Amino acid sequence: QVPLVESGGGSVQAGGSLRLSCAASLPGYRSYCMAWFRQAPGKEREGVASLNTGSGTVNYADSVKGRFTVSQDNAKITLYLQMSSLKPEDSAMYYCSATVVSGGGNCTRSRVSYGVWGQGTQVTVSS
């Protein structure tokens, strides 16, 4: 069973919205840092938002603050990324990731801290 499966990507015009989902098949009794990353062709993978599933603490990259919202559905361990006011520079493959944590603090957006990854979902924003 694939531990993380993303969905919800697509094509949208600038200014539009999309909601990405990440269905997690992970043991429910643990706390996780979960994060959304994105990678455009020729660029580094960038962490855009993270969430601590135990405390609900969230963290955003400056480039998406005020436009993107990360949230969770505790019952099914599903991670969401609501993206609004999309810009062409938001176009990328978006990946969900997870790592086990023991506390409720801020979760890093550094890719080296995450060991479980989904297959990605493509977001394309046209001008």
C-alpha atoms as a PDB file:
ATOM      1  CA  GLN A   1       0.000   0.000   0.000  1.00  0.00           C
ATOM      2  CA  VAL A   2       1.361   3.392  -1.032  1.00  0.00           C
ATOM      3  CA  PRO A   3       1.679   5.500   2.114  1.00  0.00           C
ATOM      4  CA  LEU A   4       0.938   8.893   0.523  1.00  0.00           C
ATOM      5  CA  VAL A   5      -1.256   9.551  -2.511  1.00  0.00           C
ATOM      6  CA  GLU A   6      -1.790  13.068  -3.833  1.00  0.00           C
ATOM      7  CA  SER A   7      -4.717  14.242  -5.940  1.00  0.00           C
ATOM      8  CA  GLY A   8      -6.414  17.449  -7.021  1.00  0.00           C
ATOM      9  CA  GLY A   9      -3.875  18.923  -9.380  1.00  0.00           C
ATOM     10  CA  GLY A  10      -4.851  20.392 -12.719  1.00  0.00           C
ATOM     11  CA  SER A  11      -4.746  23.419 -14.955  1.00  0.00           C
ATOM     12  CA  VAL A  12      -6.157  26.754 -13.897  1.00  0.00           C
ATOM     13  CA  GLN A  13      -5.907  30.381 -14.963  1.00  0.00           C
ATOM     14  CA  ALA A  14      -4.030  32.928 -12.896  1.00  0.00           C
ATOM     15  CA  GLY A  15      -6.138  34.099  -9.975  1.00  0.00           C
ATOM     16  CA  GLY A  16      -7.929  30.778  -9.716  1.00  0.00           C
ATOM     17  CA  SER A  17      -7.975  28.166  -6.965  1.00  0.00           C
ATOM     18  CA  LEU A  18      -7.221  24.497  -6.509  1.00  0.00           C
ATOM     19  CA  ARG A  19      -7.346  22.147  -3.549  1.00  0.00           C
ATOM     20  CA  LEU A  20      -4.809  19.365  -3.303  1.00  0.00           C
ATOM     21  CA  SER A  21      -5.386  16.288  -1.149  1.00  0.00           C
ATOM     22  CA  CYS A  22      -2.930  13.786   0.270  1.00  0.00           C
ATOM     23  CA  ALA A  23      -4.389  10.519   1.516  1.00  0.00           C
ATOM     24  CA  ALA A  24      -2.022   9.014   4.073  1.00  0.00           C
ATOM     25  CA  SER A  25      -1.854   5.329   4.890  1.00  0.00           C
ATOM     26  CA  LEU A  26       0.162   5.790   8.065  1.00  0.00           C
ATOM     27  CA  PRO A  27      -0.259   4.412  11.598  1.00  0.00           C
ATOM     28  CA  GLY A  28      -2.828   6.642  13.232  1.00  0.00           C
ATOM     29  CA  TYR A  29      -1.393   6.470  16.708  1.00  0.00           C
ATOM     30  CA  ARG A  30       1.710   8.491  15.815  1.00  0.00           C
ATOM     31  CA  SER A  31       2.219  12.222  15.336  1.00  0.00           C
ATOM     32  CA  TYR A  32       3.680  13.375  12.052  1.00  0.00           C
ATOM     33  CA  CYS A  33       5.087  16.407  10.434  1.00  0.00           C
ATOM     34  CA  MET A  34       3.473  16.515   7.025  1.00  0.00           C
ATOM     35  CA  ALA A  35       4.417  18.954   4.335  1.00  0.00           C
ATOM     36  CA  TRP A  36       3.691  20.028   0.797  1.00  0.00           C
ATOM     37  CA  PHE A  37       6.648  20.531  -1.513  1.00  0.00           C
ATOM     38  CA  ARG A  38       6.768  21.659  -5.104  1.00  0.00           C
ATOM     39  CA  GLN A  39       9.297  21.337  -7.858  1.00  0.00           C
ATOM     40  CA  ALA A  40       9.294  23.158 -11.166  1.00  0.00           C
ATOM     41  CA  PRO A  41      11.476  21.972 -14.069  1.00  0.00           C
ATOM     42  CA  GLY A  42      15.110  22.897 -13.486  1.00  0.00           C
ATOM     43  CA  LYS A  43      14.481  24.124  -9.937  1.00  0.00           C
ATOM     44  CA  GLU A  44      15.075  22.786  -6.446  1.00  0.00           C
ATOM     45  CA  ARG A  45      12.254  21.102  -4.558  1.00  0.00           C
ATOM     46  CA  GLU A  46      10.743  23.788  -2.317  1.00  0.00           C
ATOM     47  CA  GLY A  47       8.773  23.267   0.886  1.00  0.00           C
ATOM     48  CA  VAL A  48       5.668  25.460   0.713  1.00  0.00           C
ATOM     49  CA  ALA A  49       3.702  24.441   3.803  1.00  0.00           C
ATOM     50  CA  SER A  50       3.979  22.102   6.764  1.00  0.00           C
ATOM     51  CA  LEU A  51       1.654  20.881   9.489  1.00  0.00           C
ATOM     52  CA  ASN A  52       2.131  19.026  12.759  1.00  0.00           C
ATOM     53  CA  THR A  53      -0.687  16.476  12.921  1.00  0.00           C
ATOM     54  CA  GLY A  54      -0.518  16.344  16.712  1.00  0.00           C
ATOM     55  CA  SER A  55      -0.770  20.078  17.483  1.00  0.00           C
ATOM     56  CA  GLY A  56      -2.067  21.500  14.203  1.00  0.00           C
ATOM     57  CA  THR A  57       0.849  23.956  14.079  1.00  0.00           C
ATOM     58  CA  VAL A  58       1.372  25.208  10.521  1.00  0.00           C
ATOM     59  CA  ASN A  59       4.243  26.877   8.711  1.00  0.00           C
ATOM     60  CA  TYR A  60       4.353  28.531   5.286  1.00  0.00           C
ATOM     61  CA  ALA A  61       6.932  29.701   2.817  1.00  0.00           C
ATOM     62  CA  ASP A  62       6.859  33.463   2.313  1.00  0.00           C
ATOM     63  CA  SER A  63       5.983  32.977  -1.343  1.00  0.00           C
ATOM     64  CA  VAL A  64       2.596  31.423  -0.482  1.00  0.00           C
ATOM     65  CA  LYS A  65       1.620  33.114   2.797  1.00  0.00           C
ATOM     66  CA  GLY A  66      -1.875  34.531   2.637  1.00  0.00           C
ATOM     67  CA  ARG A  67      -2.714  32.508  -0.495  1.00  0.00           C
ATOM     68  CA  PHE A  68      -2.255  28.873   0.524  1.00  0.00           C
ATOM     69  CA  THR A  69      -3.796  27.101   3.509  1.00  0.00           C
ATOM     70  CA  VAL A  70      -2.690  23.695   4.784  1.00  0.00           C
ATOM     71  CA  SER A  71      -5.113  21.639   6.857  1.00  0.00           C
ATOM     72  CA  GLN A  72      -5.839  18.078   7.914  1.00  0.00           C
ATOM     73  CA  ASP A  73      -8.688  15.661   8.381  1.00  0.00           C
ATOM     74  CA  ASN A  74      -7.708  13.839  11.544  1.00  0.00           C
ATOM     75  CA  ALA A  75     -10.181  11.017  11.106  1.00  0.00           C
ATOM     76  CA  LYS A  76      -8.524   9.805   7.902  1.00  0.00           C
ATOM     77  CA  ILE A  77      -5.082  11.412   8.181  1.00  0.00           C
ATOM     78  CA  THR A  78      -5.645  13.400   5.016  1.00  0.00           C
ATOM     79  CA  LEU A  79      -3.612  16.508   4.317  1.00  0.00           C
ATOM     80  CA  TYR A  80      -5.015  19.327   2.197  1.00  0.00           C
ATOM     81  CA  LEU A  81      -3.533  22.340   0.484  1.00  0.00           C
ATOM     82  CA  GLN A  82      -6.044  25.017  -0.488  1.00  0.00           C
ATOM     83  CA  MET A  83      -4.402  27.252  -3.070  1.00  0.00           C
ATOM     84  CA  SER A  84      -5.969  30.583  -3.981  1.00  0.00           C
ATOM     85  CA  SER A  85      -4.900  33.579  -6.054  1.00  0.00           C
ATOM     86  CA  LEU A  86      -2.702  31.254  -8.059  1.00  0.00           C
ATOM     87  CA  LYS A  87       0.133  32.696 -10.119  1.00  0.00           C
ATOM     88  CA  PRO A  88       1.999  31.224 -13.101  1.00  0.00           C
ATOM     89  CA  GLU A  89       5.054  30.853 -10.863  1.00  0.00           C
ATOM     90  CA  ASP A  90       3.069  28.413  -8.705  1.00  0.00           C
ATOM     91  CA  SER A  91       3.155  25.929 -11.587  1.00  0.00           C
ATOM     92  CA  ALA A  92       5.023  22.814 -10.475  1.00  0.00           C
ATOM     93  CA  MET A  93       4.721  19.193  -9.463  1.00  0.00           C
ATOM     94  CA  TYR A  94       3.389  19.192  -5.916  1.00  0.00           C
ATOM     95  CA  TYR A  95       4.443  16.448  -3.505  1.00  0.00           C
ATOM     96  CA  CYS A  96       3.140  15.402  -0.105  1.00  0.00           C
ATOM     97  CA  SER A  97       5.622  14.157   2.488  1.00  0.00           C
ATOM     98  CA  ALA A  98       5.662  12.923   6.057  1.00  0.00           C
ATOM     99  CA  THR A  99       7.966  12.118   8.930  1.00  0.00           C
ATOM    100  CA  VAL A 100       7.314  10.843  12.454  1.00  0.00           C
ATOM    101  CA  VAL A 101       7.707  13.392  15.268  1.00  0.00           C
ATOM    102  CA  SER A 102       7.357  13.282  19.030  1.00  0.00           C
ATOM    103  CA  GLY A 103       6.420  16.888  19.802  1.00  0.00           C
ATOM    104  CA  GLY A 104       3.889  19.498  18.755  1.00  0.00           C
ATOM    105  CA  GLY A 105       6.178  22.250  17.516  1.00  0.00           C
ATOM    106  CA  ASN A 106       6.744  23.799  14.122  1.00  0.00           C
ATOM    107  CA  CYS A 107       7.547  21.392  11.337  1.00  0.00           C
ATOM    108  CA  THR A 108      10.479  22.057   9.074  1.00  0.00           C
ATOM    109  CA  ARG A 109      10.049  22.630   5.347  1.00  0.00           C
ATOM    110  CA  SER A 110      13.451  21.161   4.569  1.00  0.00           C
ATOM    111  CA  ARG A 111      13.203  18.168   2.228  1.00  0.00           C
ATOM    112  CA  VAL A 112      16.048  16.315   3.913  1.00  0.00           C
ATOM    113  CA  SER A 113      13.907  15.884   7.033  1.00  0.00           C
ATOM    114  CA  TYR A 114      11.193  13.920   5.242  1.00  0.00           C
ATOM    115  CA  GLY A 115      11.490  10.250   4.382  1.00  0.00           C
ATOM    116  CA  VAL A 116       8.058   9.369   3.013  1.00  0.00           C
ATOM    117  CA  TRP A 117       6.901  10.894  -0.277  1.00  0.00           C
ATOM    118  CA  GLY A 118       3.929  10.690  -2.589  1.00  0.00           C
ATOM    119  CA  GLN A 119       4.145  10.429  -6.364  1.00  0.00           C
ATOM    120  CA  GLY A 120       3.145  14.044  -6.970  1.00  0.00           C
ATOM    121  CA  THR A 121       0.328  15.908  -8.683  1.00  0.00           C
ATOM    122  CA  GLN A 122       0.855  18.513 -11.400  1.00  0.00           C
ATOM    123  CA  VAL A 123      -0.389  22.085 -11.035  1.00  0.00           C
ATOM    124  CA  THR A 124      -0.283  24.352 -14.067  1.00  0.00           C
ATOM    125  CA  VAL A 125      -1.281  28.010 -13.844  1.00  0.00           C
ATOM    126  CA  SER A 126      -1.664  29.925 -17.076  1.00  0.00           C
ATOM    127  CA  SER A 127      -1.503  33.699 -17.397  1.00  0.00           C
END
